[in-house]
Amino acid sequence: MRKLSALLISVSVFSALAQEPRSNVSFSDVLAVPFAEPDQRIFYGDSPIQFVENWQALERQSSAPIILSIHGGCWLNAYAIEHTYAMNTALRDAGFDVWSLEYRRVGDHGGGWPGTFNDIQNGLVTIAAQYGGEQALAQRDVTLIGHSAGGHLALLAGKQQAALIDRIVGLAAITDIKAYAAGENSCQQAGKRFMEGADDQAWKAANPAEQAAQHITYLFHGDADNIVPVSQSHEFATREQVEVVWLEGAGHFDVIDPQSRAWLTILNKLKQLSAQD
């Protein structure tokens, strides 16, 4: 019955994708997209929100490319992993083996810097263990993806776990937390809360813009994004090994919406990159 249910959900997602792609979607639009539940959940800590979830590639091939996904949400515990279930399902349906990380955030005991980032690193180690360890995972094609604040964490994690991944993909990623937290919108102000009590050294350690790039990085950013300014991608793009894809008419949530026009561009690029290896 579970397999039949998953099939029906996949068909539903496919039917939705057959509609005319949309642009500049809202957060509630993303939440309304059909999705499949994860195939498994594995805990990496004592907190009930320290876990990773897996959407297994439909073909169950040992050579399927792997995506490690870090959700966004302004580093706040008001935004949990579930809002990326539709994206993770779409990636699974496209042939990827998908792992998504949940982690402690601002508002959770132990959340904020550096606890949140420690969770990301521990979650990645736990995922590697499912493939037989870090050396075994390093033999696979692995893309680390992060959206918004999750993009900030992915850029940092890519440096710390350089041997595990082939590339980083930032979806409306926050690349300079110091500049971002100086802004006035609610997500920018959450950046201050995330770094509350941090000294100068901690701010530097938490800021991708102040660290050398370790991997080829692809940034996707909508020109209608009113949550993460396009300057975050513009300035990071001056580095070597960084490529920016600008998405015309796309807002902040288009990049995680399988029904958006922007998503078609992102998915095609992900397929192209994984096929190269």
C-alpha atoms as a PDB file:
ATOM      1  CA  MET A   1       0.000   0.000   0.000  1.00  0.00           C
ATOM      2  CA  ARG A   2       2.888   2.366   0.770  1.00  0.00           C
ATOM      3  CA  LYS A   3       4.375   1.828  -2.696  1.00  0.00           C
ATOM      4  CA  LEU A   4       1.017   2.509  -4.317  1.00  0.00           C
ATOM      5  CA  SER A   5       0.599   5.646  -2.222  1.00  0.00           C
ATOM      6  CA  ALA A   6       4.055   6.891  -3.222  1.00  0.00           C
ATOM      7  CA  LEU A   7       3.243   6.213  -6.879  1.00  0.00           C
ATOM      8  CA  LEU A   8       0.019   8.182  -6.675  1.00  0.00           C
ATOM      9  CA  ILE A   9       1.833  11.101  -5.079  1.00  0.00           C
ATOM     10  CA  SER A  10       4.498  11.019  -7.785  1.00  0.00           C
ATOM     11  CA  VAL A  11       1.825  11.033 -10.485  1.00  0.00           C
ATOM     12  CA  SER A  12       0.178  13.962  -8.748  1.00  0.00           C
ATOM     13  CA  VAL A  13       3.462  15.872  -8.705  1.00  0.00           C
ATOM     14  CA  PHE A  14       4.037  15.067 -12.380  1.00  0.00           C
ATOM     15  CA  SER A  15       0.554  16.319 -13.268  1.00  0.00           C
ATOM     16  CA  ALA A  16       1.217  19.528 -11.385  1.00  0.00           C
ATOM     17  CA  LEU A  17       4.503  20.009 -13.218  1.00  0.00           C
ATOM     18  CA  ALA A  18       2.663  19.609 -16.532  1.00  0.00           C
ATOM     19  CA  GLN A  19       0.887  22.909 -15.842  1.00  0.00           C
ATOM     20  CA  GLU A  20       2.249  26.198 -17.123  1.00  0.00           C
ATOM     21  CA  PRO A  21       5.314  27.064 -14.977  1.00  0.00           C
ATOM     22  CA  ARG A  22       4.751  30.002 -12.649  1.00  0.00           C
ATOM     23  CA  SER A  23       6.926  32.830 -11.307  1.00  0.00           C
ATOM     24  CA  ASN A  24       7.354  34.910  -8.141  1.00  0.00           C
ATOM     25  CA  VAL A  25       5.544  32.440  -5.906  1.00  0.00           C
ATOM     26  CA  SER A  26       4.780  32.808  -2.216  1.00  0.00           C
ATOM     27  CA  PHE A  27       5.814  30.586   0.673  1.00  0.00           C
ATOM     28  CA  SER A  28       2.238  29.314   0.928  1.00  0.00           C
ATOM     29  CA  ASP A  29       2.330  28.391  -2.780  1.00  0.00           C
ATOM     30  CA  VAL A  30       5.315  26.138  -2.104  1.00  0.00           C
ATOM     31  CA  LEU A  31       3.604  24.515   0.876  1.00  0.00           C
ATOM     32  CA  ALA A  32       0.635  23.590  -1.332  1.00  0.00           C
ATOM     33  CA  VAL A  33       2.684  21.555  -3.836  1.00  0.00           C
ATOM     34  CA  PRO A  34       2.105  17.762  -3.516  1.00  0.00           C
ATOM     35  CA  PHE A  35       4.996  15.716  -2.144  1.00  0.00           C
ATOM     36  CA  ALA A  36       6.040  12.247  -1.056  1.00  0.00           C
ATOM     37  CA  GLU A  37       7.019  11.505   2.528  1.00  0.00           C
ATOM     38  CA  PRO A  38      10.680  10.587   3.098  1.00  0.00           C
ATOM     39  CA  ASP A  39      11.599   6.902   3.001  1.00  0.00           C
ATOM     40  CA  GLN A  40      13.565   7.065   6.226  1.00  0.00           C
ATOM     41  CA  ARG A  41      14.633   9.334   9.078  1.00  0.00           C
ATOM     42  CA  ILE A  42      17.893   8.895  10.976  1.00  0.00           C
ATOM     43  CA  PHE A  43      18.823  10.825  14.126  1.00  0.00           C
ATOM     44  CA  TYR A  44      22.330  12.155  14.632  1.00  0.00           C
ATOM     45  CA  GLY A  45      21.828  13.736  18.072  1.00  0.00           C
ATOM     46  CA  ASP A  46      19.690  13.663  21.198  1.00  0.00           C
ATOM     47  CA  SER A  47      17.349  16.468  20.146  1.00  0.00           C
ATOM     48  CA  PRO A  48      14.181  15.447  18.269  1.00  0.00           C
ATOM     49  CA  ILE A  49      15.137  17.918  15.523  1.00  0.00           C
ATOM     50  CA  GLN A  50      18.628  16.544  14.946  1.00  0.00           C
ATOM     51  CA  PHE A  51      17.888  14.198  12.064  1.00  0.00           C
ATOM     52  CA  VAL A  52      18.390  13.552   8.368  1.00  0.00           C
ATOM     53  CA  GLU A  53      15.749  12.256   5.952  1.00  0.00           C
ATOM     54  CA  ASN A  54      16.127  10.326   2.720  1.00  0.00           C
ATOM     55  CA  TRP A  55      14.126  10.199  -0.495  1.00  0.00           C
ATOM     56  CA  GLN A  56      15.569   7.150  -2.232  1.00  0.00           C
ATOM     57  CA  ALA A  57      16.196   7.308  -5.965  1.00  0.00           C
ATOM     58  CA  LEU A  58      13.334   5.485  -7.685  1.00  0.00           C
ATOM     59  CA  GLU A  59      15.683   3.221  -9.593  1.00  0.00           C
ATOM     60  CA  ARG A  60      17.574   2.400  -6.359  1.00  0.00           C
ATOM     61  CA  GLN A  61      20.787   2.355  -8.376  1.00  0.00           C
ATOM     62  CA  SER A  62      24.051   2.312  -6.468  1.00  0.00           C
ATOM     63  CA  SER A  63      25.376   4.869  -8.945  1.00  0.00           C
ATOM     64  CA  ALA A  64      22.542   7.393  -8.613  1.00  0.00           C
ATOM     65  CA  PRO A  65      23.836  10.941  -8.071  1.00  0.00           C
ATOM     66  CA  ILE A  66      23.347  12.207  -4.527  1.00  0.00           C
ATOM     67  CA  ILE A  67      21.951  15.512  -3.328  1.00  0.00           C
ATOM     68  CA  LEU A  68      22.468  16.744   0.221  1.00  0.00           C
ATOM     69  CA  SER A  69      19.940  19.487   0.960  1.00  0.00           C
ATOM     70  CA  ILE A  70      19.904  22.136   3.693  1.00  0.00           C
ATOM     71  CA  HIS A  71      16.633  24.036   4.008  1.00  0.00           C
ATOM     72  CA  GLY A  72      16.394  27.738   4.701  1.00  0.00           C
ATOM     73  CA  GLY A  73      14.109  29.831   6.853  1.00  0.00           C
ATOM     74  CA  CYS A  74      16.198  32.701   8.239  1.00  0.00           C
ATOM     75  CA  TRP A  75      17.927  30.324  10.693  1.00  0.00           C
ATOM     76  CA  LEU A  76      14.655  30.408  12.703  1.00  0.00           C
ATOM     77  CA  ASN A  77      12.832  27.421  14.222  1.00  0.00           C
ATOM     78  CA  ALA A  78       9.588  28.820  12.800  1.00  0.00           C
ATOM     79  CA  TYR A  79      10.601  27.284   9.452  1.00  0.00           C
ATOM     80  CA  ALA A  80      11.201  23.545   9.450  1.00  0.00           C
ATOM     81  CA  ILE A  81      12.328  20.933   6.955  1.00  0.00           C
ATOM     82  CA  GLU A  82       8.815  20.163   5.660  1.00  0.00           C
ATOM     83  CA  HIS A  83       8.646  23.195   3.385  1.00  0.00           C
ATOM     84  CA  THR A  84      11.275  21.548   1.134  1.00  0.00           C
ATOM     85  CA  TYR A  85       9.477  18.184   0.871  1.00  0.00           C
ATOM     86  CA  ALA A  86       8.083  19.073  -2.571  1.00  0.00           C
ATOM     87  CA  MET A  87      11.539  20.011  -3.830  1.00  0.00           C
ATOM     88  CA  ASN A  88      13.082  16.843  -2.394  1.00  0.00           C
ATOM     89  CA  THR A  89      10.356  14.754  -4.022  1.00  0.00           C
ATOM     90  CA  ALA A  90      10.955  16.394  -7.391  1.00  0.00           C
ATOM     91  CA  LEU A  91      14.689  15.735  -7.106  1.00  0.00           C
ATOM     92  CA  ARG A  92      13.998  12.103  -6.220  1.00  0.00           C
ATOM     93  CA  ASP A  93      11.682  11.786  -9.220  1.00  0.00           C
ATOM     94  CA  ALA A  94      14.463  13.205 -11.415  1.00  0.00           C
ATOM     95  CA  GLY A  95      16.775  10.331 -10.446  1.00  0.00           C
ATOM     96  CA  PHE A  96      18.677  11.717  -7.458  1.00  0.00           C
ATOM     97  CA  ASP A  97      19.172  10.047  -4.103  1.00  0.00           C
ATOM     98  CA  VAL A  98      18.167  12.909  -1.795  1.00  0.00           C
ATOM     99  CA  TRP A  99      19.126  13.556   1.803  1.00  0.00           C
ATOM    100  CA  SER A 100      17.770  16.549   3.683  1.00  0.00           C
ATOM    101  CA  LEU A 101      19.043  17.818   7.035  1.00  0.00           C
ATOM    102  CA  GLU A 102      17.029  19.124   9.940  1.00  0.00           C
ATOM    103  CA  TYR A 103      18.926  21.044  12.581  1.00  0.00           C
ATOM    104  CA  ARG A 104      18.586  23.232  15.659  1.00  0.00           C
ATOM    105  CA  ARG A 105      17.838  26.850  14.834  1.00  0.00           C
ATOM    106  CA  VAL A 106      17.328  30.177  16.586  1.00  0.00           C
ATOM    107  CA  GLY A 107      14.641  29.527  19.184  1.00  0.00           C
ATOM    108  CA  ASP A 108      15.852  25.972  19.862  1.00  0.00           C
ATOM    109  CA  HIS A 109      18.113  25.043  22.762  1.00  0.00           C
ATOM    110  CA  GLY A 110      21.612  24.953  21.280  1.00  0.00           C
ATOM    111  CA  GLY A 111      20.567  26.735  18.091  1.00  0.00           C
ATOM    112  CA  GLY A 112      22.382  29.737  16.627  1.00  0.00           C
ATOM    113  CA  TRP A 113      26.107  30.016  16.013  1.00  0.00           C
ATOM    114  CA  PRO A 114      27.969  27.679  16.365  1.00  0.00           C
ATOM    115  CA  GLY A 115      25.433  25.003  17.423  1.00  0.00           C
ATOM    116  CA  THR A 116      23.473  25.141  14.171  1.00  0.00           C
ATOM    117  CA  PHE A 117      26.591  24.684  12.074  1.00  0.00           C
ATOM    118  CA  ASN A 118      27.808  21.843  14.287  1.00  0.00           C
ATOM    119  CA  ASP A 119      24.506  20.097  13.570  1.00  0.00           C
ATOM    120  CA  ILE A 120      25.042  20.442   9.827  1.00  0.00           C
ATOM    121  CA  GLN A 121      28.487  18.887  10.062  1.00  0.00           C
ATOM    122  CA  ASN A 122      27.275  16.027  12.252  1.00  0.00           C
ATOM    123  CA  GLY A 123      24.345  15.415   9.931  1.00  0.00           C
ATOM    124  CA  LEU A 124      26.659  15.140   6.930  1.00  0.00           C
ATOM    125  CA  VAL A 125      28.848  12.616   8.753  1.00  0.00           C
ATOM    126  CA  THR A 126      25.737  10.575   9.567  1.00  0.00           C
ATOM    127  CA  ILE A 127      24.690  10.589   5.898  1.00  0.00           C
ATOM    128  CA  ALA A 128      28.173   9.469   4.852  1.00  0.00           C
ATOM    129  CA  ALA A 129      27.876   6.507   7.210  1.00  0.00           C
ATOM    130  CA  GLN A 130      24.827   5.297   5.259  1.00  0.00           C
ATOM    131  CA  TYR A 131      27.084   4.794   2.237  1.00  0.00           C
ATOM    132  CA  GLY A 132      29.855   3.065   4.158  1.00  0.00           C
ATOM    133  CA  GLY A 133      31.764   6.106   5.390  1.00  0.00           C
ATOM    134  CA  GLU A 134      33.267   9.297   4.066  1.00  0.00           C
ATOM    135  CA  GLN A 135      35.692   7.609   1.662  1.00  0.00           C
ATOM    136  CA  ALA A 136      32.874   5.614   0.074  1.00  0.00           C
ATOM    137  CA  LEU A 137      30.648   8.694  -0.279  1.00  0.00           C
ATOM    138  CA  ALA A 138      33.534  10.598  -1.857  1.00  0.00           C
ATOM    139  CA  GLN A 139      33.452   8.094  -4.740  1.00  0.00           C
ATOM    140  CA  ARG A 140      29.902   9.127  -5.642  1.00  0.00           C
ATOM    141  CA  ASP A 141      28.645  12.229  -7.446  1.00  0.00           C
ATOM    142  CA  VAL A 142      27.511  14.515  -4.614  1.00  0.00           C
ATOM    143  CA  THR A 143      25.926  17.963  -4.779  1.00  0.00           C
ATOM    144  CA  LEU A 144      25.416  20.024  -1.628  1.00  0.00           C
ATOM    145  CA  ILE A 145      22.412  22.344  -1.990  1.00  0.00           C
ATOM    146  CA  GLY A 146      21.228  25.072   0.358  1.00  0.00           C
ATOM    147  CA  HIS A 147      18.402  27.594   0.120  1.00  0.00           C
ATOM    148  CA  SER A 148      18.671  31.074   1.633  1.00  0.00           C
ATOM    149  CA  ALA A 149      20.045  30.652   5.186  1.00  0.00           C
ATOM    150  CA  GLY A 150      20.556  27.009   4.235  1.00  0.00           C
ATOM    151  CA  GLY A 151      22.726  28.282   1.383  1.00  0.00           C
ATOM    152  CA  HIS A 152      24.846  30.133   3.924  1.00  0.00           C
ATOM    153  CA  LEU A 153      25.296  26.894   5.881  1.00  0.00           C
ATOM    154  CA  ALA A 154      26.016  24.904   2.714  1.00  0.00           C
ATOM    155  CA  LEU A 155      28.794  27.284   1.676  1.00  0.00           C
ATOM    156  CA  LEU A 156      30.417  26.871   5.083  1.00  0.00           C
ATOM    157  CA  ALA A 157      29.908  23.100   5.174  1.00  0.00           C
ATOM    158  CA  GLY A 158      31.406  22.722   1.722  1.00  0.00           C
ATOM    159  CA  LYS A 159      34.700  23.990   3.094  1.00  0.00           C
ATOM    160  CA  GLN A 160      34.631  21.781   6.186  1.00  0.00           C
ATOM    161  CA  GLN A 161      33.566  18.633   4.315  1.00  0.00           C
ATOM    162  CA  ALA A 162      35.491  19.281   1.106  1.00  0.00           C
ATOM    163  CA  ALA A 163      36.334  15.613   0.492  1.00  0.00           C
ATOM    164  CA  LEU A 164      32.685  14.552   0.479  1.00  0.00           C
ATOM    165  CA  ILE A 165      31.190  16.717  -2.235  1.00  0.00           C
ATOM    166  CA  ASP A 166      31.762  17.612  -5.878  1.00  0.00           C
ATOM    167  CA  ARG A 167      29.994  20.965  -5.989  1.00  0.00           C
ATOM    168  CA  ILE A 168      27.882  23.436  -4.032  1.00  0.00           C
ATOM    169  CA  VAL A 169      24.614  24.903  -5.267  1.00  0.00           C
ATOM    170  CA  GLY A 170      23.218  27.981  -3.560  1.00  0.00           C
ATOM    171  CA  LEU A 171      19.557  28.823  -4.101  1.00  0.00           C
ATOM    172  CA  ALA A 172      19.080  32.503  -3.201  1.00  0.00           C
ATOM    173  CA  ALA A 173      21.982  31.880  -0.830  1.00  0.00           C
ATOM    174  CA  ILE A 174      23.156  34.261   1.864  1.00  0.00           C
ATOM    175  CA  THR A 175      26.839  34.531   1.039  1.00  0.00           C
ATOM    176  CA  ASP A 176      27.836  37.416   3.327  1.00  0.00           C
ATOM    177  CA  ILE A 177      26.134  37.134   6.695  1.00  0.00           C
ATOM    178  CA  LYS A 178      27.832  40.243   8.045  1.00  0.00           C
ATOM    179  CA  ALA A 179      26.430  42.449   5.287  1.00  0.00           C
ATOM    180  CA  TYR A 180      23.104  40.626   5.354  1.00  0.00           C
ATOM    181  CA  ALA A 181      22.586  41.025   9.100  1.00  0.00           C
ATOM    182  CA  ALA A 182      23.096  44.772   8.720  1.00  0.00           C
ATOM    183  CA  GLY A 183      19.840  44.990   6.762  1.00  0.00           C
ATOM    184  CA  GLU A 184      16.388  45.840   8.036  1.00  0.00           C
ATOM    185  CA  ASN A 185      14.005  43.125   6.819  1.00  0.00           C
ATOM    186  CA  SER A 186      12.900  40.459   9.296  1.00  0.00           C
ATOM    187  CA  CYS A 187      15.172  37.756   7.891  1.00  0.00           C
ATOM    188  CA  GLN A 188      18.175  40.072   7.975  1.00  0.00           C
ATOM    189  CA  GLN A 189      17.417  40.909  11.586  1.00  0.00           C
ATOM    190  CA  ALA A 190      17.259  37.169  12.301  1.00  0.00           C
ATOM    191  CA  GLY A 191      20.874  37.037  11.158  1.00  0.00           C
ATOM    192  CA  LYS A 192      21.776  39.197  14.161  1.00  0.00           C
ATOM    193  CA  ARG A 193      19.936  36.791  16.440  1.00  0.00           C
ATOM    194  CA  PHE A 194      21.737  33.850  14.857  1.00  0.00           C
ATOM    195  CA  MET A 195      25.104  35.443  15.684  1.00  0.00           C
ATOM    196  CA  GLU A 196      24.075  36.864  19.075  1.00  0.00           C
ATOM    197  CA  GLY A 197      27.045  37.131  21.423  1.00  0.00           C
ATOM    198  CA  ALA A 198      29.588  36.264  18.713  1.00  0.00           C
ATOM    199  CA  ASP A 199      32.973  38.021  18.677  1.00  0.00           C
ATOM    200  CA  ASP A 200      34.859  39.168  15.590  1.00  0.00           C
ATOM    201  CA  GLN A 201      36.540  35.817  15.086  1.00  0.00           C
ATOM    202  CA  ALA A 202      33.202  34.013  15.216  1.00  0.00           C
ATOM    203  CA  TRP A 203      31.673  36.407  12.694  1.00  0.00           C
ATOM    204  CA  LYS A 204      34.596  35.725  10.350  1.00  0.00           C
ATOM    205  CA  ALA A 205      34.299  31.952  10.799  1.00  0.00           C
ATOM    206  CA  ALA A 206      30.574  32.169  10.056  1.00  0.00           C
ATOM    207  CA  ASN A 207      30.964  34.289   6.929  1.00  0.00           C
ATOM    208  CA  PRO A 208      31.508  32.554   3.550  1.00  0.00           C
ATOM    209  CA  ALA A 209      32.452  35.922   2.023  1.00  0.00           C
ATOM    210  CA  GLU A 210      35.566  36.032   4.203  1.00  0.00           C
ATOM    211  CA  GLN A 211      36.736  32.524   3.370  1.00  0.00           C
ATOM    212  CA  ALA A 212      38.389  30.972   0.347  1.00  0.00           C
ATOM    213  CA  ALA A 213      36.161  28.958  -1.974  1.00  0.00           C
ATOM    214  CA  GLN A 214      36.821  25.217  -1.857  1.00  0.00           C
ATOM    215  CA  HIS A 215      34.528  23.934  -4.599  1.00  0.00           C
ATOM    216  CA  ILE A 216      32.979  24.964  -7.855  1.00  0.00           C
ATOM    217  CA  THR A 217      29.880  26.826  -6.717  1.00  0.00           C
ATOM    218  CA  TYR A 218      26.704  27.583  -8.637  1.00  0.00           C
ATOM    219  CA  LEU A 219      24.397  30.308  -7.393  1.00  0.00           C
ATOM    220  CA  PHE A 220      20.808  30.625  -8.630  1.00  0.00           C
ATOM    221  CA  HIS A 221      19.133  33.915  -7.782  1.00  0.00           C
ATOM    222  CA  GLY A 222      15.850  35.467  -8.881  1.00  0.00           C
ATOM    223  CA  ASP A 223      15.899  39.120  -9.866  1.00  0.00           C
ATOM    224  CA  ALA A 224      12.582  39.637  -8.030  1.00  0.00           C
ATOM    225  CA  ASP A 225      13.884  38.303  -4.694  1.00  0.00           C
ATOM    226  CA  ASN A 226      12.882  40.701  -1.908  1.00  0.00           C
ATOM    227  CA  ILE A 227      14.274  38.626   0.973  1.00  0.00           C
ATOM    228  CA  VAL A 228      17.892  38.013  -0.059  1.00  0.00           C
ATOM    229  CA  PRO A 229      19.233  40.952  -2.100  1.00  0.00           C
ATOM    230  CA  VAL A 230      20.801  40.075  -5.454  1.00  0.00           C
ATOM    231  CA  SER A 231      23.962  41.802  -4.202  1.00  0.00           C
ATOM    232  CA  GLN A 232      24.624  38.680  -2.148  1.00  0.00           C
ATOM    233  CA  SER A 233      25.199  36.716  -5.363  1.00  0.00           C
ATOM    234  CA  HIS A 234      26.673  39.605  -7.370  1.00  0.00           C
ATOM    235  CA  GLU A 235      29.540  40.117  -4.958  1.00  0.00           C
ATOM    236  CA  PHE A 236      30.248  36.431  -4.336  1.00  0.00           C
ATOM    237  CA  ALA A 237      30.394  35.898  -8.115  1.00  0.00           C
ATOM    238  CA  THR A 238      33.636  37.879  -8.298  1.00  0.00           C
ATOM    239  CA  ARG A 239      35.439  34.821  -6.894  1.00  0.00           C
ATOM    240  CA  GLU A 240      37.012  32.100  -8.957  1.00  0.00           C
ATOM    241  CA  GLN A 241      35.006  28.889  -9.345  1.00  0.00           C
ATOM    242  CA  VAL A 242      31.686  30.697  -8.791  1.00  0.00           C
ATOM    243  CA  GLU A 243      28.998  30.835 -11.481  1.00  0.00           C
ATOM    244  CA  VAL A 244      25.732  32.749 -11.088  1.00  0.00           C
ATOM    245  CA  VAL A 245      22.551  31.936 -12.977  1.00  0.00           C
ATOM    246  CA  TRP A 246      20.101  34.836 -12.871  1.00  0.00           C
ATOM    247  CA  LEU A 247      16.445  33.879 -12.955  1.00  0.00           C
ATOM    248  CA  GLU A 248      14.256  36.490 -14.599  1.00  0.00           C
ATOM    249  CA  GLY A 249      11.054  37.288 -12.739  1.00  0.00           C
ATOM    250  CA  ALA A 250      11.788  34.783  -9.969  1.00  0.00           C
ATOM    251  CA  GLY A 251      11.216  35.545  -6.315  1.00  0.00           C
ATOM    252  CA  HIS A 252      12.781  34.055  -3.216  1.00  0.00           C
ATOM    253  CA  PHE A 253      10.728  30.853  -3.168  1.00  0.00           C
ATOM    254  CA  ASP A 254      10.705  30.053  -6.889  1.00  0.00           C
ATOM    255  CA  VAL A 255      14.039  28.279  -6.464  1.00  0.00           C
ATOM    256  CA  ILE A 256      12.462  25.587  -4.250  1.00  0.00           C
ATOM    257  CA  ASP A 257       9.133  25.361  -6.080  1.00  0.00           C
ATOM    258  CA  PRO A 258       8.916  22.394  -8.506  1.00  0.00           C
ATOM    259  CA  GLN A 259       6.077  24.159 -10.305  1.00  0.00           C
ATOM    260  CA  SER A 260       8.043  27.319 -11.084  1.00  0.00           C
ATOM    261  CA  ARG A 261       9.743  28.365 -14.283  1.00  0.00           C
ATOM    262  CA  ALA A 262      12.976  28.889 -12.334  1.00  0.00           C
ATOM    263  CA  TRP A 263      12.916  25.282 -11.138  1.00  0.00           C
ATOM    264  CA  LEU A 264      13.126  23.974 -14.699  1.00  0.00           C
ATOM    265  CA  THR A 265      16.396  25.885 -15.149  1.00  0.00           C
ATOM    266  CA  ILE A 266      17.792  24.622 -11.850  1.00  0.00           C
ATOM    267  CA  LEU A 267      16.836  20.996 -12.424  1.00  0.00           C
ATOM    268  CA  ASN A 268      18.276  20.947 -15.931  1.00  0.00           C
ATOM    269  CA  LYS A 269      21.569  22.327 -14.598  1.00  0.00           C
ATOM    270  CA  LEU A 270      21.685  19.748 -11.793  1.00  0.00           C
ATOM    271  CA  LYS A 271      21.143  16.932 -14.276  1.00  0.00           C
ATOM    272  CA  GLN A 272      23.841  18.322 -16.542  1.00  0.00           C
ATOM    273  CA  LEU A 273      26.351  18.627 -13.713  1.00  0.00           C
ATOM    274  CA  SER A 274      25.751  15.137 -12.344  1.00  0.00           C
ATOM    275  CA  ALA A 275      26.045  13.632 -15.827  1.00  0.00           C
ATOM    276  CA  GLN A 276      29.458  15.211 -16.324  1.00  0.00           C
ATOM    277  CA  ASP A 277      30.988  12.892 -13.763  1.00  0.00           C
END
